[in-house]
Amino acid sequence: MWNLEGLIVRGVYFDQPVEGVVTLSRVKYGGAVQHTVDLFHSITMFGQERTMVLLDANEIVHVEYESVIACEFD
């Protein structure tokens, strides 16, 4: 499954561990998949705070396909 929109993911962004919700999954030119991740905890890169990062599919290390939060309202 390449579309991870709405799922919680963990990944590595420039050697920093990140975790957040995928807000957009897209296929880049050439066929690679890239995800826009809204972070739970901001990170500082090059002196600037980031609350969102772009991760390629190979930078994702874990995907939560079922969330406790999602089941809470069932």
C-alpha atoms as a PDB file:
ATOM      1  CA  MET A   1       0.000   0.000   0.000  1.00  0.00           C
ATOM      2  CA  TRP A   2       1.613   3.237  -1.092  1.00  0.00           C
ATOM      3  CA  ASN A   3      -1.055   5.718   0.104  1.00  0.00           C
ATOM      4  CA  LEU A   4      -0.506   6.336   3.822  1.00  0.00           C
ATOM      5  CA  GLU A   5      -2.718   9.426   4.190  1.00  0.00           C
ATOM      6  CA  GLY A   6      -4.211   9.653   7.686  1.00  0.00           C
ATOM      7  CA  LEU A   7      -1.878   7.040   9.160  1.00  0.00           C
ATOM      8  CA  ILE A   8       0.707   7.573  11.885  1.00  0.00           C
ATOM      9  CA  VAL A   9       4.279   6.917  10.778  1.00  0.00           C
ATOM     10  CA  ARG A  10       7.779   6.951  12.228  1.00  0.00           C
ATOM     11  CA  GLY A  11      10.759   7.716  10.070  1.00  0.00           C
ATOM     12  CA  VAL A  12      14.197   9.247   9.817  1.00  0.00           C
ATOM     13  CA  TYR A  13      14.681  12.772   8.449  1.00  0.00           C
ATOM     14  CA  PHE A  14      18.355  13.798   8.056  1.00  0.00           C
ATOM     15  CA  ASP A  15      19.356  11.282  10.769  1.00  0.00           C
ATOM     16  CA  GLN A  16      16.684  12.582  13.192  1.00  0.00           C
ATOM     17  CA  PRO A  17      13.827  10.313  14.264  1.00  0.00           C
ATOM     18  CA  VAL A  18      10.407  11.818  13.513  1.00  0.00           C
ATOM     19  CA  GLU A  19       6.807  10.765  14.122  1.00  0.00           C
ATOM     20  CA  GLY A  20       3.542  12.197  12.853  1.00  0.00           C
ATOM     21  CA  VAL A  21       0.473  11.883  10.634  1.00  0.00           C
ATOM     22  CA  VAL A  22       0.731  11.588   6.854  1.00  0.00           C
ATOM     23  CA  THR A  23      -1.301  14.389   5.288  1.00  0.00           C
ATOM     24  CA  LEU A  24      -0.371  13.673   1.670  1.00  0.00           C
ATOM     25  CA  SER A  25       1.104  10.731  -0.244  1.00  0.00           C
ATOM     26  CA  ARG A  26       2.183  11.291  -3.822  1.00  0.00           C
ATOM     27  CA  VAL A  27       4.085   9.611  -6.619  1.00  0.00           C
ATOM     28  CA  LYS A  28       7.033  11.740  -7.676  1.00  0.00           C
ATOM     29  CA  TYR A  29       8.321  12.048 -11.212  1.00  0.00           C
ATOM     30  CA  GLY A  30      10.168   8.786 -11.861  1.00  0.00           C
ATOM     31  CA  GLY A  31       7.822   6.651  -9.762  1.00  0.00           C
ATOM     32  CA  ALA A  32       9.166   7.130  -6.214  1.00  0.00           C
ATOM     33  CA  VAL A  33       6.609   7.737  -3.431  1.00  0.00           C
ATOM     34  CA  GLN A  34       6.894  10.729  -1.089  1.00  0.00           C
ATOM     35  CA  HIS A  35       4.862  11.500   2.046  1.00  0.00           C
ATOM     36  CA  THR A  36       4.126  14.822   3.720  1.00  0.00           C
ATOM     37  CA  VAL A  37       4.204  14.233   7.493  1.00  0.00           C
ATOM     38  CA  ASP A  38       2.723  16.631  10.069  1.00  0.00           C
ATOM     39  CA  LEU A  39       4.976  16.057  13.087  1.00  0.00           C
ATOM     40  CA  PHE A  40       3.773  15.411  16.636  1.00  0.00           C
ATOM     41  CA  HIS A  41       6.929  17.084  17.994  1.00  0.00           C
ATOM     42  CA  SER A  42       8.719  19.776  16.022  1.00  0.00           C
ATOM     43  CA  ILE A  43      12.404  19.447  15.165  1.00  0.00           C
ATOM     44  CA  THR A  44      15.073  22.087  14.597  1.00  0.00           C
ATOM     45  CA  MET A  45      17.048  21.895  11.369  1.00  0.00           C
ATOM     46  CA  PHE A  46      19.586  24.479  10.265  1.00  0.00           C
ATOM     47  CA  GLY A  47      18.369  26.908  12.936  1.00  0.00           C
ATOM     48  CA  GLN A  48      14.704  26.696  11.915  1.00  0.00           C
ATOM     49  CA  GLU A  49      11.862  24.867  13.617  1.00  0.00           C
ATOM     50  CA  ARG A  50      10.011  22.383  11.414  1.00  0.00           C
ATOM     51  CA  THR A  51       6.541  21.043  12.114  1.00  0.00           C
ATOM     52  CA  MET A  52       6.219  19.242   8.758  1.00  0.00           C
ATOM     53  CA  VAL A  53       8.661  17.149   6.725  1.00  0.00           C
ATOM     54  CA  LEU A  54       8.730  15.304   3.416  1.00  0.00           C
ATOM     55  CA  LEU A  55       9.753  11.659   3.698  1.00  0.00           C
ATOM     56  CA  ASP A  56      10.435   9.280   0.851  1.00  0.00           C
ATOM     57  CA  ALA A  57       8.940   5.819   1.250  1.00  0.00           C
ATOM     58  CA  ASN A  58      12.360   4.326   2.052  1.00  0.00           C
ATOM     59  CA  GLU A  59      12.725   6.743   5.012  1.00  0.00           C
ATOM     60  CA  ILE A  60       9.594   5.384   6.736  1.00  0.00           C
ATOM     61  CA  VAL A  61      10.528   2.796   9.371  1.00  0.00           C
ATOM     62  CA  HIS A  62       7.114   2.058  10.945  1.00  0.00           C
ATOM     63  CA  VAL A  63       3.457   2.519   9.989  1.00  0.00           C
ATOM     64  CA  GLU A  64       0.589   2.226  12.488  1.00  0.00           C
ATOM     65  CA  TYR A  65      -2.244   0.745  10.467  1.00  0.00           C
ATOM     66  CA  GLU A  66      -4.586   0.721  13.466  1.00  0.00           C
ATOM     67  CA  SER A  67      -4.667   3.460  16.046  1.00  0.00           C
ATOM     68  CA  VAL A  68      -6.129   3.472  19.537  1.00  0.00           C
ATOM     69  CA  ILE A  69      -7.395   7.002  18.846  1.00  0.00           C
ATOM     70  CA  ALA A  70      -9.265   5.893  15.730  1.00  0.00           C
ATOM     71  CA  CYS A  71     -10.999   3.077  17.620  1.00  0.00           C
ATOM     72  CA  GLU A  72     -11.927   5.277  20.583  1.00  0.00           C
ATOM     73  CA  PHE A  73     -14.945   6.781  18.793  1.00  0.00           C
ATOM     74  CA  ASP A  74     -16.367   3.567  17.329  1.00  0.00           C
END
